[in-house]
């Protein structure tokens, strides 16, 4: 009997713990797009842990004045800017340009359009952010128009 109740509890947890649950942008998506969103969130988190946590930290809080926080960052609402930053990086600090030792964000030229879409989807829908799903076709368009980020 105890096994039965534990199984029900686990099933309930799994059903309520999809990556997009509770996200207003997610709730507006059709079921098929929600599945894609969930996949992007899972893959995006993996990419974030692999490429971003050293500087931006596990929960997007950054490092004081050296690395910007991704929590409620204005760039989150500008996915085209985020795509360019991820791919090309910056040659100056966007956070504190007058600091003596500003940290520059390195770009990652090896990421694909899909990986950048997954990464932006994860960042822009984590830590209280609720932007929605980013498509690889949008990332491709944005990256073709990157200029003047520094």
Foldseek 3Di string as FASTA:
>chain_A
DVVVVVVVVVVVCVVQVQPCHPFPQLVPDDPVVNVVLSVLQVLLLVVCVVQPCVACNNQQPGDPQQGHRLQPDPCLLVLLLVLQCQAAWDPAAPRCRPDPDHDTRHHDNPDALSNSQSNSSNSQPGNPHRDYGGDSVVSVVSNVVDDDPD
